[in-house]
């Protein structure tokens, strides 16, 4: 199962707008994606409520995992999104 680790670039972490943009992109990825914190808590990356429940802050590292056809491309796209300050767009 492909996976990527990335630091959250958004200045407020994965809250409100950044979480919404990320969960929408994960839902459109076409493969199931799981987001896991350093503490080991995992949620469906397409679930905004799941993401918000983790309280992920700026600079924290998360791991994304996906499986299926197109998993690598989906993860690359999502990592690029999380590597951007989504509050500045």
PDB file of N, CA and C in Angstrom:
ATOM      1  N   UNK A   1       0.849  -1.178   0.000  1.00  0.00           N
ATOM      2  CA  UNK A   1       0.000   0.000   0.000  1.00  0.00           C
ATOM      3  C   UNK A   1       0.895   1.241   0.000  1.00  0.00           C
ATOM      4  N   UNK A   2       0.760   2.085  -1.017  1.00  0.00           N
ATOM      5  CA  UNK A   2       1.570   3.306  -1.070  1.00  0.00           C
ATOM      6  C   UNK A   2       1.235   4.248   0.081  1.00  0.00           C
ATOM      7  N   UNK A   3       2.252   4.954   0.547  1.00  0.00           N
ATOM      8  CA  UNK A   3       2.031   5.951   1.598  1.00  0.00           C
ATOM      9  C   UNK A   3       3.002   7.102   1.434  1.00  0.00           C
ATOM     10  N   UNK A   4       2.621   8.246   1.973  1.00  0.00           N
ATOM     11  CA  UNK A   4       3.447   9.442   1.950  1.00  0.00           C
ATOM     12  C   UNK A   4       3.321  10.130   3.307  1.00  0.00           C
ATOM     13  N   UNK A   5       4.422  10.729   3.771  1.00  0.00           N
ATOM     14  CA  UNK A   5       4.400  11.524   4.994  1.00  0.00           C
ATOM     15  C   UNK A   5       4.653  12.971   4.605  1.00  0.00           C
ATOM     16  N   UNK A   6       3.879  13.869   5.198  1.00  0.00           N
ATOM     17  CA  UNK A   6       3.961  15.287   4.836  1.00  0.00           C
ATOM     18  C   UNK A   6       3.717  16.148   6.068  1.00  0.00           C
ATOM     19  N   UNK A   7       4.356  17.324   6.102  1.00  0.00           N
ATOM     20  CA  UNK A   7       4.109  18.306   7.156  1.00  0.00           C
ATOM     21  C   UNK A   7       3.015  19.256   6.694  1.00  0.00           C
ATOM     22  N   UNK A   8       2.116  19.590   7.587  1.00  0.00           N
ATOM     23  CA  UNK A   8       0.997  20.468   7.268  1.00  0.00           C
ATOM     24  C   UNK A   8       1.496  21.906   7.141  1.00  0.00           C
ATOM     25  N   UNK A   9       1.301  22.500   5.970  1.00  0.00           N
ATOM     26  CA  UNK A   9       1.807  23.848   5.709  1.00  0.00           C
ATOM     27  C   UNK A   9       0.828  24.952   6.086  1.00  0.00           C
ATOM     28  N   UNK A  10      -0.459  24.667   6.117  1.00  0.00           N
ATOM     29  CA  UNK A  10      -1.437  25.715   6.424  1.00  0.00           C
ATOM     30  C   UNK A  10      -1.190  26.298   7.809  1.00  0.00           C
ATOM     31  N   UNK A  11      -1.229  27.617   7.884  1.00  0.00           N
ATOM     32  CA  UNK A  11      -0.879  28.304   9.125  1.00  0.00           C
ATOM     33  C   UNK A  11      -1.798  27.952  10.291  1.00  0.00           C
ATOM     34  N   UNK A  12      -3.036  27.538  10.011  1.00  0.00           N
ATOM     35  CA  UNK A  12      -3.948  27.148  11.082  1.00  0.00           C
ATOM     36  C   UNK A  12      -4.060  25.632  11.197  1.00  0.00           C
ATOM     37  N   UNK A  13      -3.236  24.907  10.464  1.00  0.00           N
ATOM     38  CA  UNK A  13      -3.314  23.448  10.474  1.00  0.00           C
ATOM     39  C   UNK A  13      -4.479  22.981   9.623  1.00  0.00           C
ATOM     40  N   UNK A  14      -4.953  21.780   9.892  1.00  0.00           N
ATOM     41  CA  UNK A  14      -6.079  21.236   9.120  1.00  0.00           C
ATOM     42  C   UNK A  14      -7.387  21.554   9.835  1.00  0.00           C
ATOM     43  N   UNK A  15      -7.758  22.813   9.803  1.00  0.00           N
ATOM     44  CA  UNK A  15      -8.994  23.288  10.409  1.00  0.00           C
ATOM     45  C   UNK A  15      -9.796  24.038   9.356  1.00  0.00           C
ATOM     46  N   UNK A  16     -11.098  24.046   9.488  1.00  0.00           N
ATOM     47  CA  UNK A  16     -12.027  24.811   8.649  1.00  0.00           C
ATOM     48  C   UNK A  16     -11.731  24.695   7.161  1.00  0.00           C
ATOM     49  N   UNK A  17     -11.304  25.791   6.546  1.00  0.00           N
ATOM     50  CA  UNK A  17     -11.128  25.813   5.090  1.00  0.00           C
ATOM     51  C   UNK A  17     -10.103  24.793   4.603  1.00  0.00           C
ATOM     52  N   UNK A  18      -8.909  24.710   5.185  1.00  0.00           N
ATOM     53  CA  UNK A  18      -7.949  23.718   4.702  1.00  0.00           C
ATOM     54  C   UNK A  18      -8.477  22.290   4.808  1.00  0.00           C
ATOM     55  N   UNK A  19      -9.159  21.972   5.899  1.00  0.00           N
ATOM     56  CA  UNK A  19      -9.711  20.622   6.066  1.00  0.00           C
ATOM     57  C   UNK A  19     -10.784  20.343   5.016  1.00  0.00           C
ATOM     58  N   UNK A  20     -11.588  21.348   4.728  1.00  0.00           N
ATOM     59  CA  UNK A  20     -12.632  21.194   3.732  1.00  0.00           C
ATOM     60  C   UNK A  20     -12.040  20.948   2.347  1.00  0.00           C
ATOM     61  N   UNK A  21     -11.071  21.769   1.964  1.00  0.00           N
ATOM     62  CA  UNK A  21     -10.432  21.604   0.652  1.00  0.00           C
ATOM     63  C   UNK A  21      -9.752  20.239   0.533  1.00  0.00           C
ATOM     64  N   UNK A  22      -9.082  19.826   1.610  1.00  0.00           N
ATOM     65  CA  UNK A  22      -8.379  18.546   1.581  1.00  0.00           C
ATOM     66  C   UNK A  22      -9.361  17.376   1.507  1.00  0.00           C
ATOM     67  N   UNK A  23     -10.401  17.393   2.320  1.00  0.00           N
ATOM     68  CA  UNK A  23     -11.344  16.269   2.326  1.00  0.00           C
ATOM     69  C   UNK A  23     -12.074  16.165   0.986  1.00  0.00           C
ATOM     70  N   UNK A  24     -12.380  17.299   0.370  1.00  0.00           N
ATOM     71  CA  UNK A  24     -13.013  17.273  -0.955  1.00  0.00           C
ATOM     72  C   UNK A  24     -12.080  16.657  -1.990  1.00  0.00           C
ATOM     73  N   UNK A  25     -10.809  17.033  -1.945  1.00  0.00           N
ATOM     74  CA  UNK A  25      -9.831  16.471  -2.890  1.00  0.00           C
ATOM     75  C   UNK A  25      -9.660  14.975  -2.654  1.00  0.00           C
ATOM     76  N   UNK A  26      -9.654  14.558  -1.383  1.00  0.00           N
ATOM     77  CA  UNK A  26      -9.511  13.128  -1.066  1.00  0.00           C
ATOM     78  C   UNK A  26     -10.725  12.353  -1.568  1.00  0.00           C
ATOM     79  N   UNK A  27     -11.905  12.945  -1.449  1.00  0.00           N
ATOM     80  CA  UNK A  27     -13.126  12.279  -1.913  1.00  0.00           C
ATOM     81  C   UNK A  27     -13.116  12.102  -3.425  1.00  0.00           C
ATOM     82  N   UNK A  28     -12.514  13.047  -4.134  1.00  0.00           N
ATOM     83  CA  UNK A  28     -12.452  12.998  -5.595  1.00  0.00           C
ATOM     84  C   UNK A  28     -11.276  12.176  -6.110  1.00  0.00           C
ATOM     85  N   UNK A  29     -10.437  11.669  -5.217  1.00  0.00           N
ATOM     86  CA  UNK A  29      -9.215  10.969  -5.613  1.00  0.00           C
ATOM     87  C   UNK A  29      -9.479   9.666  -6.362  1.00  0.00           C
ATOM     88  N   UNK A  30     -10.640   9.075  -6.146  1.00  0.00           N
ATOM     89  CA  UNK A  30     -10.970   7.840  -6.840  1.00  0.00           C
ATOM     90  C   UNK A  30     -10.452   6.580  -6.171  1.00  0.00           C
ATOM     91  N   UNK A  31      -9.737   6.742  -5.060  1.00  0.00           N
ATOM     92  CA  UNK A  31      -9.250   5.602  -4.267  1.00  0.00           C
ATOM     93  C   UNK A  31      -9.453   5.944  -2.798  1.00  0.00           C
ATOM     94  N   UNK A  32      -9.645   4.936  -1.937  1.00  0.00           N
ATOM     95  CA  UNK A  32      -9.771   5.229  -0.506  1.00  0.00           C
ATOM     96  C   UNK A  32      -8.438   5.710   0.069  1.00  0.00           C
ATOM     97  N   UNK A  33      -8.486   6.819   0.795  1.00  0.00           N
ATOM     98  CA  UNK A  33      -7.282   7.409   1.388  1.00  0.00           C
ATOM     99  C   UNK A  33      -7.473   7.500   2.894  1.00  0.00           C
ATOM    100  N   UNK A  34      -6.451   7.102   3.636  1.00  0.00           N
ATOM    101  CA  UNK A  34      -6.462   7.187   5.096  1.00  0.00           C
ATOM    102  C   UNK A  34      -5.413   8.194   5.540  1.00  0.00           C
ATOM    103  N   UNK A  35      -5.770   9.053   6.495  1.00  0.00           N
ATOM    104  CA  UNK A  35      -4.856  10.024   7.073  1.00  0.00           C
ATOM    105  C   UNK A  35      -4.552   9.568   8.498  1.00  0.00           C
ATOM    106  N   UNK A  36      -3.266   9.482   8.839  1.00  0.00           N
ATOM    107  CA  UNK A  36      -2.849   9.027  10.166  1.00  0.00           C
ATOM    108  C   UNK A  36      -1.910  10.045  10.794  1.00  0.00           C
ATOM    109  N   UNK A  37      -2.153  10.371  12.073  1.00  0.00           N
ATOM    110  CA  UNK A  37      -1.295  11.304  12.797  1.00  0.00           C
ATOM    111  C   UNK A  37      -0.091  10.569  13.374  1.00  0.00           C
ATOM    112  N   UNK A  38       0.868  11.349  13.871  1.00  0.00           N
ATOM    113  CA  UNK A  38       2.039  10.766  14.539  1.00  0.00           C
ATOM    114  C   UNK A  38       1.625   9.949  15.772  1.00  0.00           C
ATOM    115  N   UNK A  39       0.485  10.313  16.372  1.00  0.00           N
ATOM    116  CA  UNK A  39      -0.020   9.609  17.557  1.00  0.00           C
ATOM    117  C   UNK A  39      -0.686   8.286  17.185  1.00  0.00           C
ATOM    118  N   UNK A  40      -0.822   8.030  15.877  1.00  0.00           N
ATOM    119  CA  UNK A  40      -1.391   6.769  15.437  1.00  0.00           C
ATOM    120  C   UNK A  40      -2.888   6.773  15.207  1.00  0.00           C
ATOM    121  N   UNK A  41      -3.525   7.943  15.313  1.00  0.00           N
ATOM    122  CA  UNK A  41      -4.967   8.018  15.062  1.00  0.00           C
ATOM    123  C   UNK A  41      -5.204   8.133  13.561  1.00  0.00           C
ATOM    124  N   UNK A  42      -6.114   7.316  13.036  1.00  0.00           N
ATOM    125  CA  UNK A  42      -6.399   7.297  11.602  1.00  0.00           C
ATOM    126  C   UNK A  42      -7.857   7.619  11.317  1.00  0.00           C
ATOM    127  N   UNK A  43      -8.076   8.332  10.200  1.00  0.00           N
ATOM    128  CA  UNK A  43      -9.429   8.624   9.729  1.00  0.00           C
ATOM    129  C   UNK A  43      -9.473   8.523   8.214  1.00  0.00           C
ATOM    130  N   UNK A  44     -10.673   8.386   7.700  1.00  0.00           N
ATOM    131  CA  UNK A  44     -10.900   8.454   6.266  1.00  0.00           C
ATOM    132  C   UNK A  44     -10.604   9.893   5.840  1.00  0.00           C
ATOM    133  N   UNK A  45      -9.690  10.069   4.894  1.00  0.00           N
ATOM    134  CA  UNK A  45      -9.281  11.415   4.484  1.00  0.00           C
ATOM    135  C   UNK A  45     -10.406  12.188   3.802  1.00  0.00           C
ATOM    136  N   UNK A  46     -11.447  11.512   3.360  1.00  0.00           N
ATOM    137  CA  UNK A  46     -12.577  12.189   2.726  1.00  0.00           C
ATOM    138  C   UNK A  46     -13.602  12.690   3.745  1.00  0.00           C
ATOM    139  N   UNK A  47     -13.369  12.427   5.025  1.00  0.00           N
ATOM    140  CA  UNK A  47     -14.298  12.821   6.084  1.00  0.00           C
ATOM    141  C   UNK A  47     -13.822  14.097   6.768  1.00  0.00           C
ATOM    142  N   UNK A  48     -14.502  15.207   6.500  1.00  0.00           N
ATOM    143  CA  UNK A  48     -14.091  16.467   7.123  1.00  0.00           C
ATOM    144  C   UNK A  48     -14.229  16.391   8.639  1.00  0.00           C
ATOM    145  N   UNK A  49     -15.277  15.737   9.129  1.00  0.00           N
ATOM    146  CA  UNK A  49     -15.446  15.615  10.581  1.00  0.00           C
ATOM    147  C   UNK A  49     -14.322  14.787  11.196  1.00  0.00           C
ATOM    148  N   UNK A  50     -13.924  13.728  10.508  1.00  0.00           N
ATOM    149  CA  UNK A  50     -12.809  12.906  10.984  1.00  0.00           C
ATOM    150  C   UNK A  50     -11.530  13.711  11.061  1.00  0.00           C
ATOM    151  N   UNK A  51     -11.261  14.483  10.023  1.00  0.00           N
ATOM    152  CA  UNK A  51     -10.043  15.306   9.986  1.00  0.00           C
ATOM    153  C   UNK A  51     -10.065  16.344  11.097  1.00  0.00           C
ATOM    154  N   UNK A  52     -11.194  17.044  11.239  1.00  0.00           N
ATOM    155  CA  UNK A  52     -11.300  18.066  12.277  1.00  0.00           C
ATOM    156  C   UNK A  52     -11.139  17.474  13.676  1.00  0.00           C
ATOM    157  N   UNK A  53     -11.615  16.240  13.858  1.00  0.00           N
ATOM    158  CA  UNK A  53     -11.527  15.602  15.183  1.00  0.00           C
ATOM    159  C   UNK A  53     -10.083  15.330  15.607  1.00  0.00           C
ATOM    160  N   UNK A  54      -9.165  15.304  14.654  1.00  0.00           N
ATOM    161  CA  UNK A  54      -7.769  15.020  14.976  1.00  0.00           C
ATOM    162  C   UNK A  54      -7.026  16.247  15.501  1.00  0.00           C
ATOM    163  N   UNK A  55      -7.539  17.441  15.223  1.00  0.00           N
ATOM    164  CA  UNK A  55      -6.898  18.664  15.717  1.00  0.00           C
ATOM    165  C   UNK A  55      -5.474  18.834  15.230  1.00  0.00           C
ATOM    166  N   UNK A  56      -5.236  18.613  13.957  1.00  0.00           N
ATOM    167  CA  UNK A  56      -3.884  18.659  13.388  1.00  0.00           C
ATOM    168  C   UNK A  56      -3.452  20.104  13.188  1.00  0.00           C
ATOM    169  N   UNK A  57      -2.319  20.466  13.766  1.00  0.00           N
ATOM    170  CA  UNK A  57      -1.819  21.830  13.697  1.00  0.00           C
ATOM    171  C   UNK A  57      -0.759  22.037  12.635  1.00  0.00           C
ATOM    172  N   UNK A  58      -0.402  23.300  12.441  1.00  0.00           N
ATOM    173  CA  UNK A  58       0.638  23.691  11.487  1.00  0.00           C
ATOM    174  C   UNK A  58       1.956  22.991  11.837  1.00  0.00           C
ATOM    175  N   UNK A  59       2.604  22.441  10.829  1.00  0.00           N
ATOM    176  CA  UNK A  59       3.904  21.810  11.023  1.00  0.00           C
ATOM    177  C   UNK A  59       3.855  20.362  11.477  1.00  0.00           C
ATOM    178  N   UNK A  60       2.687  19.884  11.869  1.00  0.00           N
ATOM    179  CA  UNK A  60       2.574  18.483  12.282  1.00  0.00           C
ATOM    180  C   UNK A  60       2.697  17.573  11.070  1.00  0.00           C
ATOM    181  N   UNK A  61       3.292  16.405  11.283  1.00  0.00           N
ATOM    182  CA  UNK A  61       3.422  15.430  10.212  1.00  0.00           C
ATOM    183  C   UNK A  61       2.264  14.446  10.251  1.00  0.00           C
ATOM    184  N   UNK A  62       1.754  14.130   9.072  1.00  0.00           N
ATOM    185  CA  UNK A  62       0.721  13.114   8.924  1.00  0.00           C
ATOM    186  C   UNK A  62       1.159  12.154   7.829  1.00  0.00           C
ATOM    187  N   UNK A  63       0.609  10.956   7.866  1.00  0.00           N
ATOM    188  CA  UNK A  63       0.888   9.959   6.838  1.00  0.00           C
ATOM    189  C   UNK A  63      -0.401   9.665   6.090  1.00  0.00           C
ATOM    190  N   UNK A  64      -0.304   9.687   4.779  1.00  0.00           N
ATOM    191  CA  UNK A  64      -1.426   9.349   3.915  1.00  0.00           C
ATOM    192  C   UNK A  64      -1.176   7.983   3.303  1.00  0.00           C
ATOM    193  N   UNK A  65      -2.201   7.142   3.297  1.00  0.00           N
ATOM    194  CA  UNK A  65      -2.113   5.819   2.681  1.00  0.00           C
ATOM    195  C   UNK A  65      -3.299   5.641   1.754  1.00  0.00           C
ATOM    196  N   UNK A  66      -3.044   4.971   0.633  1.00  0.00           N
ATOM    197  CA  UNK A  66      -4.119   4.699  -0.315  1.00  0.00           C
ATOM    198  C   UNK A  66      -3.834   3.374  -0.996  1.00  0.00           C
ATOM    199  N   UNK A  67      -4.895   2.757  -1.512  1.00  0.00           N
ATOM    200  CA  UNK A  67      -4.693   1.544  -2.277  1.00  0.00           C
ATOM    201  C   UNK A  67      -5.626   1.528  -3.473  1.00  0.00           C
ATOM    202  N   UNK A  68      -5.188   0.827  -4.501  1.00  0.00           N
ATOM    203  CA  UNK A  68      -5.982   0.735  -5.719  1.00  0.00           C
ATOM    204  C   UNK A  68      -5.262   1.391  -6.876  1.00  0.00           C
ATOM    205  N   UNK A  69      -5.853   1.255  -8.047  1.00  0.00           N
ATOM    206  CA  UNK A  69      -5.288   1.874  -9.240  1.00  0.00           C
ATOM    207  C   UNK A  69      -5.295   3.387  -9.092  1.00  0.00           C
ATOM    208  N   UNK A  70      -4.153   3.989  -9.322  1.00  0.00           N
ATOM    209  CA  UNK A  70      -4.044   5.438  -9.207  1.00  0.00           C
ATOM    210  C   UNK A  70      -3.699   5.921  -7.817  1.00  0.00           C
ATOM    211  N   UNK A  71      -3.376   5.014  -6.904  1.00  0.00           N
ATOM    212  CA  UNK A  71      -3.078   5.412  -5.525  1.00  0.00           C
ATOM    213  C   UNK A  71      -1.870   6.344  -5.448  1.00  0.00           C
ATOM    214  N   UNK A  72      -0.810   6.036  -6.186  1.00  0.00           N
ATOM    215  CA  UNK A  72       0.391   6.879  -6.133  1.00  0.00           C
ATOM    216  C   UNK A  72       0.103   8.297  -6.622  1.00  0.00           C
ATOM    217  N   UNK A  73      -0.609   8.411  -7.732  1.00  0.00           N
ATOM    218  CA  UNK A  73      -0.945   9.734  -8.277  1.00  0.00           C
ATOM    219  C   UNK A  73      -1.849  10.493  -7.314  1.00  0.00           C
ATOM    220  N   UNK A  74      -2.804   9.804  -6.709  1.00  0.00           N
ATOM    221  CA  UNK A  74      -3.708  10.450  -5.758  1.00  0.00           C
ATOM    222  C   UNK A  74      -2.930  10.969  -4.554  1.00  0.00           C
ATOM    223  N   UNK A  75      -2.024  10.161  -4.030  1.00  0.00           N
ATOM    224  CA  UNK A  75      -1.234  10.583  -2.873  1.00  0.00           C
ATOM    225  C   UNK A  75      -0.333  11.758  -3.218  1.00  0.00           C
ATOM    226  N   UNK A  76       0.286  11.724  -4.399  1.00  0.00           N
ATOM    227  CA  UNK A  76       1.149  12.831  -4.807  1.00  0.00           C
ATOM    228  C   UNK A  76       0.364  14.138  -4.857  1.00  0.00           C
ATOM    229  N   UNK A  77      -0.837  14.086  -5.391  1.00  0.00           N
ATOM    230  CA  UNK A  77      -1.695  15.268  -5.493  1.00  0.00           C
ATOM    231  C   UNK A  77      -2.098  15.779  -4.113  1.00  0.00           C
ATOM    232  N   UNK A  78      -2.450  14.871  -3.219  1.00  0.00           N
ATOM    233  CA  UNK A  78      -2.863  15.264  -1.866  1.00  0.00           C
ATOM    234  C   UNK A  78      -1.698  15.807  -1.052  1.00  0.00           C
ATOM    235  N   UNK A  79      -0.512  15.226  -1.226  1.00  0.00           N
ATOM    236  CA  UNK A  79       0.680  15.736  -0.539  1.00  0.00           C
ATOM    237  C   UNK A  79       0.986  17.156  -0.998  1.00  0.00           C
ATOM    238  N   UNK A  80       0.854  17.392  -2.291  1.00  0.00           N
ATOM    239  CA  UNK A  80       1.084  18.748  -2.823  1.00  0.00           C
ATOM    240  C   UNK A  80       0.106  19.736  -2.196  1.00  0.00           C
ATOM    241  N   UNK A  81      -1.130  19.317  -2.041  1.00  0.00           N
ATOM    242  CA  UNK A  81      -2.151  20.169  -1.433  1.00  0.00           C
ATOM    243  C   UNK A  81      -1.800  20.495   0.022  1.00  0.00           C
ATOM    244  N   UNK A  82      -1.404  19.489   0.796  1.00  0.00           N
ATOM    245  CA  UNK A  82      -1.080  19.706   2.206  1.00  0.00           C
ATOM    246  C   UNK A  82       0.223  20.501   2.392  1.00  0.00           C
ATOM    247  N   UNK A  83       1.065  20.498   1.361  1.00  0.00           N
ATOM    248  CA  UNK A  83       2.333  21.230   1.410  1.00  0.00           C
ATOM    249  C   UNK A  83       2.161  22.706   1.074  1.00  0.00           C
ATOM    250  N   UNK A  84       0.930  23.112   0.834  1.00  0.00           N
ATOM    251  CA  UNK A  84       0.597  24.483   0.474  1.00  0.00           C
ATOM    252  C   UNK A  84      -0.185  25.114   1.624  1.00  0.00           C
ATOM    253  N   UNK A  85       0.072  26.403   1.883  1.00  0.00           N
ATOM    254  CA  UNK A  85      -0.719  27.099   2.897  1.00  0.00           C
ATOM    255  C   UNK A  85      -2.079  27.412   2.286  1.00  0.00           C
ATOM    256  N   UNK A  86      -3.067  26.593   2.562  1.00  0.00           N
ATOM    257  CA  UNK A  86      -4.390  26.707   1.949  1.00  0.00           C
ATOM    258  C   UNK A  86      -5.168  27.919   2.438  1.00  0.00           C
ATOM    259  N   UNK A  87      -4.682  28.585   3.467  1.00  0.00           N
ATOM    260  CA  UNK A  87      -5.342  29.791   3.948  1.00  0.00           C
ATOM    261  C   UNK A  87      -4.934  31.015   3.140  1.00  0.00           C
ATOM    262  N   UNK A  88      -3.915  30.893   2.322  1.00  0.00           N
ATOM    263  CA  UNK A  88      -3.406  32.018   1.543  1.00  0.00           C
ATOM    264  C   UNK A  88      -3.954  32.053   0.132  1.00  0.00           C
ATOM    265  N   UNK A  89      -4.768  31.049  -0.234  1.00  0.00           N
ATOM    266  CA  UNK A  89      -5.237  30.956  -1.617  1.00  0.00           C
ATOM    267  C   UNK A  89      -6.506  31.722  -1.822  1.00  0.00           C
TER     268      UNK A  89
END
